[in-house]
Amino acid sequence: MLKASCVGADLEIGRIPLSSELRAYSNEELALSLALTGGDDYELCFTVPTECEGDFQALLSDWNCQSTRIGHTRASPEIVWSYNGQIYNVPDTSFHHF
């Protein structure tokens, strides 16, 4: 999505939603690693302009659906991951979410 839009993103790993099942199965480090590098995902990824976020949240209140903002897009093409305020290097695996 980012590549097709010719943009990058600043993403906060700590904001990625983790299921209670995954949290029960593993510690936080393993859960985040699986969320970042596993290829079997069932969450939608999309962008909403900042000025429309309130309207979007209002729409969600009518649906049985949650959303989590994990970052924002940037004009330059790189993807910058951070975790607790520090740059985080996501392991280079065969599957790339972004």
Foldseek 3Di string as FASTA:
>chain_A
DLVVVQWEWEFELVQDDFDPVLVVVDPPVVRSLCVFAPDDDDDDDDDDPPVCPVVVVVVCVVDPDDDTDGTGIGNHHYYFYDYPRHTDDRDDDPDGPD
